[in-house]
PDB file of all heavy atoms in Angstrom:
ATOM      1  N   LEU A   1     214.248  70.193 194.474  1.00  0.00           N
ATOM      2  CA  LEU A   1     214.122  69.493 193.198  1.00  0.00           C
ATOM      3  C   LEU A   1     213.022  68.448 193.253  1.00  0.00           C
ATOM      4  O   LEU A   1     212.811  67.790 194.267  1.00  0.00           O
ATOM      5  CB  LEU A   1     215.450  68.820 192.819  1.00  0.00           C
ATOM      6  CG  LEU A   1     216.704  69.708 192.815  1.00  0.00           C
ATOM      7  CD1 LEU A   1     217.881  68.929 192.222  1.00  0.00           C
ATOM      8  CD2 LEU A   1     216.483  71.004 192.068  1.00  0.00           C
ATOM      9  N   VAL A   2     212.318  68.302 192.147  1.00  0.00           N
ATOM     10  CA  VAL A   2     211.269  67.294 192.028  1.00  0.00           C
ATOM     11  C   VAL A   2     211.436  66.581 190.690  1.00  0.00           C
ATOM     12  O   VAL A   2     212.075  67.094 189.769  1.00  0.00           O
ATOM     13  CB  VAL A   2     209.860  67.923 192.103  1.00  0.00           C
ATOM     14  CG1 VAL A   2     209.623  68.537 193.468  1.00  0.00           C
ATOM     15  CG2 VAL A   2     209.662  68.973 190.996  1.00  0.00           C
ATOM     16  N   SER A   3     210.894  65.394 190.605  1.00  0.00           N
ATOM     17  CA  SER A   3     210.949  64.637 189.368  1.00  0.00           C
ATOM     18  C   SER A   3     210.071  65.290 188.303  1.00  0.00           C
ATOM     19  O   SER A   3     209.015  65.847 188.604  1.00  0.00           O
ATOM     20  CB  SER A   3     210.500  63.198 189.602  1.00  0.00           C
ATOM     21  OG  SER A   3     210.350  62.510 188.377  1.00  0.00           O
ATOM     22  N   GLU A   4     210.531  65.210 187.062  1.00  0.00           N
ATOM     23  CA  GLU A   4     209.723  65.737 185.960  1.00  0.00           C
ATOM     24  C   GLU A   4     208.353  65.064 185.896  1.00  0.00           C
ATOM     25  O   GLU A   4     207.377  65.667 185.434  1.00  0.00           O
ATOM     26  CB  GLU A   4     210.443  65.511 184.625  1.00  0.00           C
ATOM     27  CG  GLU A   4     211.539  66.489 184.330  1.00  0.00           C
ATOM     28  CD  GLU A   4     212.123  66.286 182.945  1.00  0.00           C
ATOM     29  OE1 GLU A   4     212.338  65.113 182.541  1.00  0.00           O
ATOM     30  OE2 GLU A   4     212.380  67.277 182.257  1.00  0.00           O
ATOM     31  N   ASN A   5     208.286  63.832 186.353  1.00  0.00           N
ATOM     32  CA  ASN A   5     207.039  63.081 186.293  1.00  0.00           C
ATOM     33  C   ASN A   5     206.053  63.476 187.390  1.00  0.00           C
ATOM     34  O   ASN A   5     204.896  63.052 187.364  1.00  0.00           O
ATOM     35  CB  ASN A   5     207.322  61.583 186.388  1.00  0.00           C
ATOM     36  CG  ASN A   5     208.214  61.089 185.265  1.00  0.00           C
ATOM     37  OD1 ASN A   5     208.098  61.548 184.127  1.00  0.00           O
ATOM     38  ND2 ASN A   5     209.115  60.146 185.569  1.00  0.00           N
ATOM     39  N   ASP A   6     206.542  64.250 188.369  1.00  0.00           N
ATOM     40  CA  ASP A   6     205.691  64.616 189.499  1.00  0.00           C
ATOM     41  C   ASP A   6     205.369  66.109 189.535  1.00  0.00           C
ATOM     42  O   ASP A   6     205.018  66.640 190.590  1.00  0.00           O
ATOM     43  CB  ASP A   6     206.381  64.223 190.818  1.00  0.00           C
ATOM     44  CG  ASP A   6     206.626  62.732 190.911  1.00  0.00           C
ATOM     45  OD1 ASP A   6     205.820  61.967 190.363  1.00  0.00           O
ATOM     46  OD2 ASP A   6     207.633  62.329 191.538  1.00  0.00           O
ATOM     47  N   LEU A   7     205.496  66.786 188.410  1.00  0.00           N
ATOM     48  CA  LEU A   7     205.261  68.224 188.380  1.00  0.00           C
ATOM     49  C   LEU A   7     203.789  68.540 188.605  1.00  0.00           C
ATOM     50  O   LEU A   7     202.903  67.923 188.011  1.00  0.00           O
ATOM     51  CB  LEU A   7     205.705  68.824 187.044  1.00  0.00           C
ATOM     52  CG  LEU A   7     207.194  68.707 186.703  1.00  0.00           C
ATOM     53  CD1 LEU A   7     207.499  69.442 185.405  1.00  0.00           C
ATOM     54  CD2 LEU A   7     208.043  69.283 187.826  1.00  0.00           C
ATOM     55  N   GLN A   8     203.525  69.494 189.481  1.00  0.00           N
ATOM     56  CA  GLN A   8     202.178  69.978 189.731  1.00  0.00           C
ATOM     57  C   GLN A   8     202.107  71.452 189.369  1.00  0.00           C
ATOM     58  O   GLN A   8     202.641  72.309 190.057  1.00  0.00           O
ATOM     59  CB  GLN A   8     201.783  69.768 191.194  1.00  0.00           C
ATOM     60  CG  GLN A   8     201.623  68.307 191.577  1.00  0.00           C
ATOM     61  CD  GLN A   8     201.086  68.140 192.981  1.00  0.00           C
ATOM     62  OE1 GLN A   8     200.898  69.102 193.705  1.00  0.00           O
ATOM     63  NE2 GLN A   8     200.806  66.915 193.372  1.00  0.00           N
ATOM     64  N   MET A   9     201.477  71.736 188.260  1.00  0.00           N
ATOM     65  CA  MET A   9     201.368  73.102 187.776  1.00  0.00           C
ATOM     66  C   MET A   9     200.136  73.793 188.342  1.00  0.00           C
ATOM     67  O   MET A   9     199.177  73.145 188.770  1.00  0.00           O
ATOM     68  CB  MET A   9     201.304  73.112 186.240  1.00  0.00           C
ATOM     69  CG  MET A   9     202.477  72.430 185.560  1.00  0.00           C
ATOM     70  SD  MET A   9     204.051  73.265 185.915  1.00  0.00           S
ATOM     71  CE  MET A   9     205.169  72.321 184.888  1.00  0.00           C
ATOM     72  N   SER A  10     200.189  75.100 188.315  1.00  0.00           N
ATOM     73  CA  SER A  10     199.029  75.900 188.685  1.00  0.00           C
ATOM     74  C   SER A  10     197.899  75.652 187.685  1.00  0.00           C
ATOM     75  O   SER A  10     198.124  75.339 186.514  1.00  0.00           O
ATOM     76  CB  SER A  10     199.417  77.382 188.694  1.00  0.00           C
ATOM     77  OG  SER A  10     198.282  78.210 188.659  1.00  0.00           O
ATOM     78  N   LEU A  11     196.675  75.798 188.163  1.00  0.00           N
ATOM     79  CA  LEU A  11     195.512  75.608 187.309  1.00  0.00           C
ATOM     80  C   LEU A  11     195.547  76.539 186.108  1.00  0.00           C
ATOM     81  O   LEU A  11     195.081  76.211 185.021  1.00  0.00           O
ATOM     82  CB  LEU A  11     194.234  75.837 188.117  1.00  0.00           C
ATOM     83  CG  LEU A  11     192.909  75.669 187.384  1.00  0.00           C
ATOM     84  CD1 LEU A  11     192.739  74.209 186.936  1.00  0.00           C
ATOM     85  CD2 LEU A  11     191.733  76.079 188.291  1.00  0.00           C
ATOM     86  N   PHE A  12     196.123  77.709 186.281  1.00  0.00           N
ATOM     87  CA  PHE A  12     196.161  78.717 185.223  1.00  0.00           C
ATOM     88  C   PHE A  12     197.530  78.791 184.542  1.00  0.00           C
ATOM     89  O   PHE A  12     197.813  79.731 183.799  1.00  0.00           O
ATOM     90  CB  PHE A  12     195.805  80.086 185.807  1.00  0.00           C
ATOM     91  CG  PHE A  12     194.482  80.114 186.523  1.00  0.00           C
ATOM     92  CD1 PHE A  12     194.442  80.096 187.909  1.00  0.00           C
ATOM     93  CD2 PHE A  12     193.295  80.114 185.809  1.00  0.00           C
ATOM     94  CE1 PHE A  12     193.229  80.096 188.583  1.00  0.00           C
ATOM     95  CE2 PHE A  12     192.075  80.126 186.486  1.00  0.00           C
ATOM     96  CZ  PHE A  12     192.041  80.111 187.864  1.00  0.00           C
ATOM     97  N   HIS A  13     198.381  77.797 184.802  1.00  0.00           N
ATOM     98  CA  HIS A  13     199.725  77.795 184.234  1.00  0.00           C
ATOM     99  C   HIS A  13     199.681  77.605 182.732  1.00  0.00           C
ATOM    100  O   HIS A  13     199.015  76.709 182.208  1.00  0.00           O
ATOM    101  CB  HIS A  13     200.576  76.690 184.852  1.00  0.00           C
ATOM    102  CG  HIS A  13     201.913  76.550 184.201  1.00  0.00           C
ATOM    103  ND1 HIS A  13     202.953  77.384 184.479  1.00  0.00           N
ATOM    104  CD2 HIS A  13     202.367  75.673 183.255  1.00  0.00           C
ATOM    105  CE1 HIS A  13     203.999  77.028 183.760  1.00  0.00           C
ATOM    106  NE2 HIS A  13     203.675  75.990 183.012  1.00  0.00           N
ATOM    107  N   GLN A  14     200.389  78.446 182.020  1.00  0.00           N
ATOM    108  CA  GLN A  14     200.534  78.325 180.582  1.00  0.00           C
ATOM    109  C   GLN A  14     202.009  78.468 180.228  1.00  0.00           C
ATOM    110  O   GLN A  14     202.607  79.514 180.446  1.00  0.00           O
ATOM    111  CB  GLN A  14     199.715  79.386 179.836  1.00  0.00           C
ATOM    112  CG  GLN A  14     198.218  79.173 179.941  1.00  0.00           C
ATOM    113  CD  GLN A  14     197.452  80.177 179.092  1.00  0.00           C
ATOM    114  OE1 GLN A  14     197.983  81.162 178.609  1.00  0.00           O
ATOM    115  NE2 GLN A  14     196.164  79.914 178.909  1.00  0.00           N
ATOM    116  N   GLU A  15     202.581  77.411 179.702  1.00  0.00           N
ATOM    117  CA  GLU A  15     203.982  77.418 179.328  1.00  0.00           C
ATOM    118  C   GLU A  15     204.199  78.328 178.129  1.00  0.00           C
ATOM    119  O   GLU A  15     203.533  78.202 177.105  1.00  0.00           O
ATOM    120  CB  GLU A  15     204.445  75.982 178.985  1.00  0.00           C
ATOM    121  CG  GLU A  15     205.914  75.861 178.688  1.00  0.00           C
ATOM    122  CD  GLU A  15     206.690  75.470 179.896  1.00  0.00           C
ATOM    123  OE1 GLU A  15     206.062  75.051 180.842  1.00  0.00           O
ATOM    124  OE2 GLU A  15     207.900  75.547 179.898  1.00  0.00           O
ATOM    125  N   HIS A  16     205.113  79.279 178.252  1.00  0.00           N
ATOM    126  CA  HIS A  16     205.432  80.154 177.143  1.00  0.00           C
ATOM    127  C   HIS A  16     206.106  79.331 176.053  1.00  0.00           C
ATOM    128  O   HIS A  16     206.863  78.405 176.328  1.00  0.00           O
ATOM    129  CB  HIS A  16     206.361  81.276 177.612  1.00  0.00           C
ATOM    130  CG  HIS A  16     206.483  82.394 176.633  1.00  0.00           C
ATOM    131  ND1 HIS A  16     207.325  82.329 175.550  1.00  0.00           N
ATOM    132  CD2 HIS A  16     205.876  83.589 176.564  1.00  0.00           C
ATOM    133  CE1 HIS A  16     207.224  83.445 174.863  1.00  0.00           C
ATOM    134  NE2 HIS A  16     206.364  84.240 175.456  1.00  0.00           N
ATOM    135  N   LYS A  17     205.815  79.661 174.814  1.00  0.00           N
ATOM    136  CA  LYS A  17     206.320  78.851 173.705  1.00  0.00           C
ATOM    137  C   LYS A  17     207.843  78.751 173.682  1.00  0.00           C
ATOM    138  O   LYS A  17     208.412  77.739 173.269  1.00  0.00           O
ATOM    139  CB  LYS A  17     205.811  79.403 172.375  1.00  0.00           C
ATOM    140  CG  LYS A  17     206.283  80.820 172.042  1.00  0.00           C
ATOM    141  CD  LYS A  17     205.720  81.275 170.706  1.00  0.00           C
ATOM    142  CE  LYS A  17     206.190  82.674 170.350  1.00  0.00           C
ATOM    143  NZ  LYS A  17     205.648  83.114 169.029  1.00  0.00           N
ATOM    144  N   ILE A  18     208.528  79.807 174.127  1.00  0.00           N
ATOM    145  CA  ILE A  18     209.984  79.814 174.086  1.00  0.00           C
ATOM    146  C   ILE A  18     210.584  78.907 175.165  1.00  0.00           C
ATOM    147  O   ILE A  18     211.754  78.537 175.117  1.00  0.00           O
ATOM    148  CB  ILE A  18     210.522  81.251 174.214  1.00  0.00           C
ATOM    149  CG1 ILE A  18     211.933  81.345 173.637  1.00  0.00           C
ATOM    150  CG2 ILE A  18     210.506  81.723 175.670  1.00  0.00           C
ATOM    151  CD1 ILE A  18     212.441  82.758 173.451  1.00  0.00           C
ATOM    152  N   GLU A  19     209.738  78.564 176.144  1.00  0.00           N
ATOM    153  CA  GLU A  19     210.178  77.695 177.217  1.00  0.00           C
ATOM    154  C   GLU A  19     209.795  76.240 176.983  1.00  0.00           C
ATOM    155  O   GLU A  19     209.905  75.407 177.861  1.00  0.00           O
ATOM    156  CB  GLU A  19     209.605  78.178 178.548  1.00  0.00           C
ATOM    157  CG  GLU A  19     210.092  79.555 178.949  1.00  0.00           C
ATOM    158  CD  GLU A  19     209.403  80.091 180.190  1.00  0.00           C
ATOM    159  OE1 GLU A  19     208.623  79.364 180.803  1.00  0.00           O
ATOM    160  OE2 GLU A  19     209.653  81.238 180.526  1.00  0.00           O
ATOM    161  N   ASN A  20     209.350  75.963 175.797  1.00  0.00           N
ATOM    162  CA  ASN A  20     208.946  74.616 175.464  1.00  0.00           C
ATOM    163  C   ASN A  20     210.106  73.644 175.636  1.00  0.00           C
ATOM    164  O   ASN A  20     211.249  73.930 175.300  1.00  0.00           O
ATOM    165  CB  ASN A  20     208.450  74.575 174.022  1.00  0.00           C
ATOM    166  CG  ASN A  20     207.741  73.275 173.689  1.00  0.00           C
ATOM    167  OD1 ASN A  20     208.363  72.235 173.611  1.00  0.00           O
ATOM    168  ND2 ASN A  20     206.424  73.346 173.519  1.00  0.00           N
ATOM    169  N   ALA A  21     209.814  72.477 176.174  1.00  0.00           N
ATOM    170  CA  ALA A  21     210.855  71.479 176.440  1.00  0.00           C
ATOM    171  C   ALA A  21     211.593  71.059 175.183  1.00  0.00           C
ATOM    172  O   ALA A  21     212.765  70.654 175.243  1.00  0.00           O
ATOM    173  CB  ALA A  21     210.233  70.258 177.112  1.00  0.00           C
ATOM    174  N   HIS A  22     210.921  71.144 174.024  1.00  0.00           N
ATOM    175  CA  HIS A  22     211.565  70.743 172.775  1.00  0.00           C
ATOM    176  C   HIS A  22     212.779  71.611 172.459  1.00  0.00           C
ATOM    177  O   HIS A  22     213.755  71.136 171.871  1.00  0.00           O
ATOM    178  CB  HIS A  22     210.562  70.811 171.617  1.00  0.00           C
ATOM    179  CG  HIS A  22     209.440  69.817 171.746  1.00  0.00           C
ATOM    180  ND1 HIS A  22     209.658  68.450 171.780  1.00  0.00           N
ATOM    181  CD2 HIS A  22     208.102  69.998 171.857  1.00  0.00           C
ATOM    182  CE1 HIS A  22     208.493  67.829 171.894  1.00  0.00           C
ATOM    183  NE2 HIS A  22     207.535  68.750 171.948  1.00  0.00           N
ATOM    184  N   LEU A  23     212.735  72.881 172.847  1.00  0.00           N
ATOM    185  CA  LEU A  23     213.857  73.778 172.595  1.00  0.00           C
ATOM    186  C   LEU A  23     215.081  73.355 173.399  1.00  0.00           C
ATOM    187  O   LEU A  23     216.195  73.291 172.870  1.00  0.00           O
ATOM    188  CB  LEU A  23     213.465  75.221 172.932  1.00  0.00           C
ATOM    189  CG  LEU A  23     214.557  76.285 172.736  1.00  0.00           C
ATOM    190  CD1 LEU A  23     215.034  76.311 171.301  1.00  0.00           C
ATOM    191  CD2 LEU A  23     214.018  77.678 173.135  1.00  0.00           C
ATOM    192  N   SER A  24     214.875  73.049 174.680  1.00  0.00           N
ATOM    193  CA  SER A  24     215.981  72.593 175.522  1.00  0.00           C
ATOM    194  C   SER A  24     216.572  71.295 175.003  1.00  0.00           C
ATOM    195  O   SER A  24     217.791  71.116 174.966  1.00  0.00           O
ATOM    196  CB  SER A  24     215.510  72.398 176.970  1.00  0.00           C
ATOM    197  OG  SER A  24     215.181  73.633 177.569  1.00  0.00           O
ATOM    198  N   LYS A  25     215.705  70.370 174.587  1.00  0.00           N
ATOM    199  CA  LYS A  25     216.185  69.097 174.062  1.00  0.00           C
ATOM    200  C   LYS A  25     216.994  69.291 172.787  1.00  0.00           C
ATOM    201  O   LYS A  25     218.005  68.617 172.569  1.00  0.00           O
ATOM    202  CB  LYS A  25     214.997  68.162 173.810  1.00  0.00           C
ATOM    203  CG  LYS A  25     214.338  67.647 175.084  1.00  0.00           C
ATOM    204  CD  LYS A  25     213.182  66.711 174.770  1.00  0.00           C
ATOM    205  CE  LYS A  25     212.532  66.193 176.054  1.00  0.00           C
ATOM    206  NZ  LYS A  25     211.384  65.292 175.769  1.00  0.00           N
ATOM    207  N   ALA A  26     216.539  70.209 171.931  1.00  0.00           N
ATOM    208  CA  ALA A  26     217.257  70.478 170.684  1.00  0.00           C
ATOM    209  C   ALA A  26     218.628  71.076 170.969  1.00  0.00           C
ATOM    210  O   ALA A  26     219.630  70.680 170.358  1.00  0.00           O
ATOM    211  CB  ALA A  26     216.441  71.423 169.801  1.00  0.00           C
ATOM    212  N   MET A  27     218.696  72.024 171.915  1.00  0.00           N
ATOM    213  CA  MET A  27     219.983  72.624 172.291  1.00  0.00           C
ATOM    214  C   MET A  27     220.919  71.587 172.896  1.00  0.00           C
ATOM    215  O   MET A  27     222.109  71.549 172.571  1.00  0.00           O
ATOM    216  CB  MET A  27     219.749  73.767 173.278  1.00  0.00           C
ATOM    217  CG  MET A  27     219.059  74.982 172.682  1.00  0.00           C
ATOM    218  SD  MET A  27     218.660  76.261 173.905  1.00  0.00           S
ATOM    219  CE  MET A  27     220.299  76.777 174.441  1.00  0.00           C
ATOM    220  N   ASP A  28     220.380  70.720 173.750  1.00  0.00           N
ATOM    221  CA  ASP A  28     221.191  69.669 174.360  1.00  0.00           C
ATOM    222  C   ASP A  28     221.744  68.722 173.302  1.00  0.00           C
ATOM    223  O   ASP A  28     222.910  68.309 173.364  1.00  0.00           O
ATOM    224  CB  ASP A  28     220.368  68.878 175.380  1.00  0.00           C
ATOM    225  CG  ASP A  28     220.020  69.682 176.627  1.00  0.00           C
ATOM    226  OD1 ASP A  28     220.683  70.719 176.867  1.00  0.00           O
ATOM    227  OD2 ASP A  28     219.085  69.286 177.353  1.00  0.00           O
ATOM    228  N   ALA A  29     220.912  68.377 172.325  1.00  0.00           N
ATOM    229  CA  ALA A  29     221.334  67.448 171.275  1.00  0.00           C
ATOM    230  C   ALA A  29     222.461  68.037 170.432  1.00  0.00           C
ATOM    231  O   ALA A  29     223.442  67.358 170.107  1.00  0.00           O
ATOM    232  CB  ALA A  29     220.143  67.088 170.383  1.00  0.00           C
ATOM    233  N   ILE A  30     222.328  69.314 170.086  1.00  0.00           N
ATOM    234  CA  ILE A  30     223.352  69.980 169.271  1.00  0.00           C
ATOM    235  C   ILE A  30     224.667  70.083 170.046  1.00  0.00           C
ATOM    236  O   ILE A  30     225.743  69.796 169.516  1.00  0.00           O
ATOM    237  CB  ILE A  30     222.870  71.372 168.835  1.00  0.00           C
ATOM    238  CG1 ILE A  30     221.683  71.248 167.868  1.00  0.00           C
ATOM    239  CG2 ILE A  30     224.010  72.159 168.174  1.00  0.00           C
ATOM    240  CD1 ILE A  30     221.003  72.563 167.552  1.00  0.00           C
ATOM    241  N   ASN A  31     224.588  70.495 171.305  1.00  0.00           N
ATOM    242  CA  ASN A  31     225.793  70.648 172.123  1.00  0.00           C
ATOM    243  C   ASN A  31     226.458  69.308 172.419  1.00  0.00           C
ATOM    244  O   ASN A  31     227.679  69.222 172.531  1.00  0.00           O
ATOM    245  CB  ASN A  31     225.462  71.372 173.427  1.00  0.00           C
ATOM    246  CG  ASN A  31     225.145  72.832 173.217  1.00  0.00           C
ATOM    247  OD1 ASN A  31     225.648  73.460 172.286  1.00  0.00           O
ATOM    248  ND2 ASN A  31     224.288  73.402 174.052  1.00  0.00           N
TER     249      ASN A  31
END
């Protein structure tokens, strides 16, 4: 495990839209 503030992504990393952090936050808020 690593801190969210210390994430080191690959140079070519592209977050898929469905994996966007906003989706997780929205689900957490509703639940």
